[in-house]
Amino acid sequence: MGIAILSIAAMTQLVWTDMAAACGWGQSGGGDYVPQRRDSGGFLARKSAVSEEQARDIASGYVKKLNPNLEIGKVTDNGGFYEVEIVDAGNEIVQLLGVDKLSGRMIVLN
């Protein structure tokens, strides 16, 4: 009976570990969607703040993945983040994104 209980407990732990890995538990963001600023050791790199041009590049890469027909419009400094306008061919604003100055992560603003 004791061995059966230990076996069940071990299998439960194994299943929980697999489920956590499948969901990306313990990882910061998705590598495909959020720019990861990591150093060679795998830790978050301590780098200088993101510049306006870097914010434009980050947002542009994201937008081109989703819809190549959209473009980056005006980029505005908004304190702790840059506000980036996503525009269509008629120069109409489709979406506003924020790019955090410290991490480079994107924030949907509207």
C-alpha atoms as a PDB file:
ATOM      1  CA  MET A   1       0.000   0.000   0.000  1.00  0.00           C
ATOM      2  CA  GLY A   2       2.815   2.415   0.920  1.00  0.00           C
ATOM      3  CA  ILE A   3       4.606   1.754  -2.373  1.00  0.00           C
ATOM      4  CA  ALA A   4       1.402   2.433  -4.331  1.00  0.00           C
ATOM      5  CA  ILE A   5       0.951   5.789  -2.603  1.00  0.00           C
ATOM      6  CA  LEU A   6       4.567   6.767  -3.299  1.00  0.00           C
ATOM      7  CA  SER A   7       4.192   5.704  -6.941  1.00  0.00           C
ATOM      8  CA  ILE A   8       1.069   7.825  -7.354  1.00  0.00           C
ATOM      9  CA  ALA A   9       2.746  10.807  -5.693  1.00  0.00           C
ATOM     10  CA  ALA A  10       5.795  10.474  -7.966  1.00  0.00           C
ATOM     11  CA  MET A  11       3.661  10.235 -11.105  1.00  0.00           C
ATOM     12  CA  THR A  12       1.592  13.234 -10.040  1.00  0.00           C
ATOM     13  CA  GLN A  13       4.755  15.289  -9.587  1.00  0.00           C
ATOM     14  CA  LEU A  14       5.979  14.208 -13.029  1.00  0.00           C
ATOM     15  CA  VAL A  15       2.693  15.152 -14.698  1.00  0.00           C
ATOM     16  CA  TRP A  16       2.611  18.560 -12.972  1.00  0.00           C
ATOM     17  CA  THR A  17       6.171  19.242 -14.106  1.00  0.00           C
ATOM     18  CA  ASP A  18       5.289  18.349 -17.718  1.00  0.00           C
ATOM     19  CA  MET A  19       2.192  20.546 -17.623  1.00  0.00           C
ATOM     20  CA  ALA A  20       4.173  23.461 -16.227  1.00  0.00           C
ATOM     21  CA  ALA A  21       6.824  23.122 -18.934  1.00  0.00           C
ATOM     22  CA  ALA A  22       4.164  22.938 -21.657  1.00  0.00           C
ATOM     23  CA  CYS A  23       2.566  26.170 -20.429  1.00  0.00           C
ATOM     24  CA  GLY A  24       5.886  27.995 -20.198  1.00  0.00           C
ATOM     25  CA  TRP A  25       5.659  28.220 -16.420  1.00  0.00           C
ATOM     26  CA  GLY A  26       8.706  29.876 -14.913  1.00  0.00           C
ATOM     27  CA  GLN A  27       9.667  31.642 -18.120  1.00  0.00           C
ATOM     28  CA  SER A  28       9.264  35.349 -18.632  1.00  0.00           C
ATOM     29  CA  GLY A  29       7.086  35.968 -21.637  1.00  0.00           C
ATOM     30  CA  GLY A  30       7.036  34.200 -24.954  1.00  0.00           C
ATOM     31  CA  GLY A  31      10.225  34.447 -26.944  1.00  0.00           C
ATOM     32  CA  ASP A  32       8.262  34.863 -30.182  1.00  0.00           C
ATOM     33  CA  TYR A  33       6.219  37.821 -29.005  1.00  0.00           C
ATOM     34  CA  VAL A  34       8.230  39.662 -26.391  1.00  0.00           C
ATOM     35  CA  PRO A  35      11.779  40.797 -26.998  1.00  0.00           C
ATOM     36  CA  GLN A  36      13.961  39.094 -24.425  1.00  0.00           C
ATOM     37  CA  ARG A  37      16.909  41.138 -23.210  1.00  0.00           C
ATOM     38  CA  ARG A  38      19.113  38.360 -21.854  1.00  0.00           C
ATOM     39  CA  ASP A  39      22.836  38.127 -21.371  1.00  0.00           C
ATOM     40  CA  SER A  40      24.962  35.099 -22.275  1.00  0.00           C
ATOM     41  CA  GLY A  41      24.228  33.470 -18.896  1.00  0.00           C
ATOM     42  CA  GLY A  42      20.476  33.445 -19.570  1.00  0.00           C
ATOM     43  CA  PHE A  43      19.635  36.125 -17.025  1.00  0.00           C
ATOM     44  CA  LEU A  44      17.941  39.405 -17.828  1.00  0.00           C
ATOM     45  CA  ALA A  45      20.651  41.677 -19.056  1.00  0.00           C
ATOM     46  CA  ARG A  46      21.323  44.953 -17.320  1.00  0.00           C
ATOM     47  CA  LYS A  47      21.335  47.261 -20.287  1.00  0.00           C
ATOM     48  CA  SER A  48      20.662  50.887 -20.879  1.00  0.00           C
ATOM     49  CA  ALA A  49      17.139  52.076 -21.571  1.00  0.00           C
ATOM     50  CA  VAL A  50      15.555  51.422 -24.956  1.00  0.00           C
ATOM     51  CA  SER A  51      15.991  54.334 -27.358  1.00  0.00           C
ATOM     52  CA  GLU A  52      13.221  55.722 -29.532  1.00  0.00           C
ATOM     53  CA  GLU A  53      14.751  54.082 -32.613  1.00  0.00           C
ATOM     54  CA  GLN A  54      14.975  50.720 -30.823  1.00  0.00           C
ATOM     55  CA  ALA A  55      11.320  51.052 -29.778  1.00  0.00           C
ATOM     56  CA  ARG A  56      10.409  51.665 -33.426  1.00  0.00           C
ATOM     57  CA  ASP A  57      12.387  48.547 -34.460  1.00  0.00           C
ATOM     58  CA  ILE A  58      10.781  46.382 -31.748  1.00  0.00           C
ATOM     59  CA  ALA A  59       7.267  47.447 -32.732  1.00  0.00           C
ATOM     60  CA  SER A  60       8.045  47.153 -36.441  1.00  0.00           C
ATOM     61  CA  GLY A  61       9.258  43.570 -36.067  1.00  0.00           C
ATOM     62  CA  TYR A  62       6.109  42.670 -34.159  1.00  0.00           C
ATOM     63  CA  VAL A  63       3.774  44.339 -36.659  1.00  0.00           C
ATOM     64  CA  LYS A  64       5.480  42.818 -39.708  1.00  0.00           C
ATOM     65  CA  LYS A  65       4.989  39.339 -38.206  1.00  0.00           C
ATOM     66  CA  LEU A  66       1.269  39.911 -37.716  1.00  0.00           C
ATOM     67  CA  ASN A  67       0.325  41.977 -40.755  1.00  0.00           C
ATOM     68  CA  PRO A  68       2.876  43.123 -43.351  1.00  0.00           C
ATOM     69  CA  ASN A  69       0.349  45.670 -44.709  1.00  0.00           C
ATOM     70  CA  LEU A  70       0.570  47.781 -41.538  1.00  0.00           C
ATOM     71  CA  GLU A  71       3.321  50.271 -40.773  1.00  0.00           C
ATOM     72  CA  ILE A  72       4.749  52.203 -37.847  1.00  0.00           C
ATOM     73  CA  GLY A  73       3.546  55.775 -37.549  1.00  0.00           C
ATOM     74  CA  LYS A  74       4.580  58.375 -34.985  1.00  0.00           C
ATOM     75  CA  VAL A  75       6.643  57.330 -31.939  1.00  0.00           C
ATOM     76  CA  THR A  76       6.130  59.522 -28.861  1.00  0.00           C
ATOM     77  CA  ASP A  77       8.019  59.579 -25.576  1.00  0.00           C
ATOM     78  CA  ASN A  78       5.421  59.009 -22.857  1.00  0.00           C
ATOM     79  CA  GLY A  79       7.421  58.901 -19.635  1.00  0.00           C
ATOM     80  CA  GLY A  80       8.208  55.278 -18.767  1.00  0.00           C
ATOM     81  CA  PHE A  81       7.385  53.980 -22.239  1.00  0.00           C
ATOM     82  CA  TYR A  82       7.228  54.995 -25.884  1.00  0.00           C
ATOM     83  CA  GLU A  83       3.801  55.267 -27.513  1.00  0.00           C
ATOM     84  CA  VAL A  84       3.925  53.787 -31.025  1.00  0.00           C
ATOM     85  CA  GLU A  85       1.172  54.322 -33.584  1.00  0.00           C
ATOM     86  CA  ILE A  86       0.376  51.396 -35.892  1.00  0.00           C
ATOM     87  CA  VAL A  87      -1.135  52.756 -39.121  1.00  0.00           C
ATOM     88  CA  ASP A  88      -2.660  51.263 -42.268  1.00  0.00           C
ATOM     89  CA  ALA A  89      -2.016  52.240 -45.900  1.00  0.00           C
ATOM     90  CA  GLY A  90      -4.361  55.246 -45.547  1.00  0.00           C
ATOM     91  CA  ASN A  91      -2.274  56.499 -42.587  1.00  0.00           C
ATOM     92  CA  GLU A  92      -5.205  55.823 -40.221  1.00  0.00           C
ATOM     93  CA  ILE A  93      -4.279  54.685 -36.690  1.00  0.00           C
ATOM     94  CA  VAL A  94      -5.206  51.030 -36.217  1.00  0.00           C
ATOM     95  CA  GLN A  95      -3.570  50.341 -32.845  1.00  0.00           C
ATOM     96  CA  LEU A  96      -1.497  52.080 -30.198  1.00  0.00           C
ATOM     97  CA  LEU A  97       1.348  50.102 -28.642  1.00  0.00           C
ATOM     98  CA  GLY A  98       3.570  51.043 -25.763  1.00  0.00           C
ATOM     99  CA  VAL A  99       7.199  49.914 -25.589  1.00  0.00           C
ATOM    100  CA  ASP A 100       8.610  49.910 -22.074  1.00  0.00           C
ATOM    101  CA  LYS A 101      11.850  51.883 -21.878  1.00  0.00           C
ATOM    102  CA  LEU A 102      13.556  49.552 -19.405  1.00  0.00           C
ATOM    103  CA  SER A 103      12.537  46.103 -20.630  1.00  0.00           C
ATOM    104  CA  GLY A 104      11.536  46.630 -24.266  1.00  0.00           C
ATOM    105  CA  ARG A 105       8.249  44.826 -23.635  1.00  0.00           C
ATOM    106  CA  MET A 106       5.192  45.873 -25.575  1.00  0.00           C
ATOM    107  CA  ILE A 107       1.931  47.031 -24.015  1.00  0.00           C
ATOM    108  CA  VAL A 108      -1.370  47.332 -25.889  1.00  0.00           C
ATOM    109  CA  LEU A 109      -2.684  50.824 -25.129  1.00  0.00           C
ATOM    110  CA  ASN A 110      -6.109  50.814 -26.799  1.00  0.00           C
END
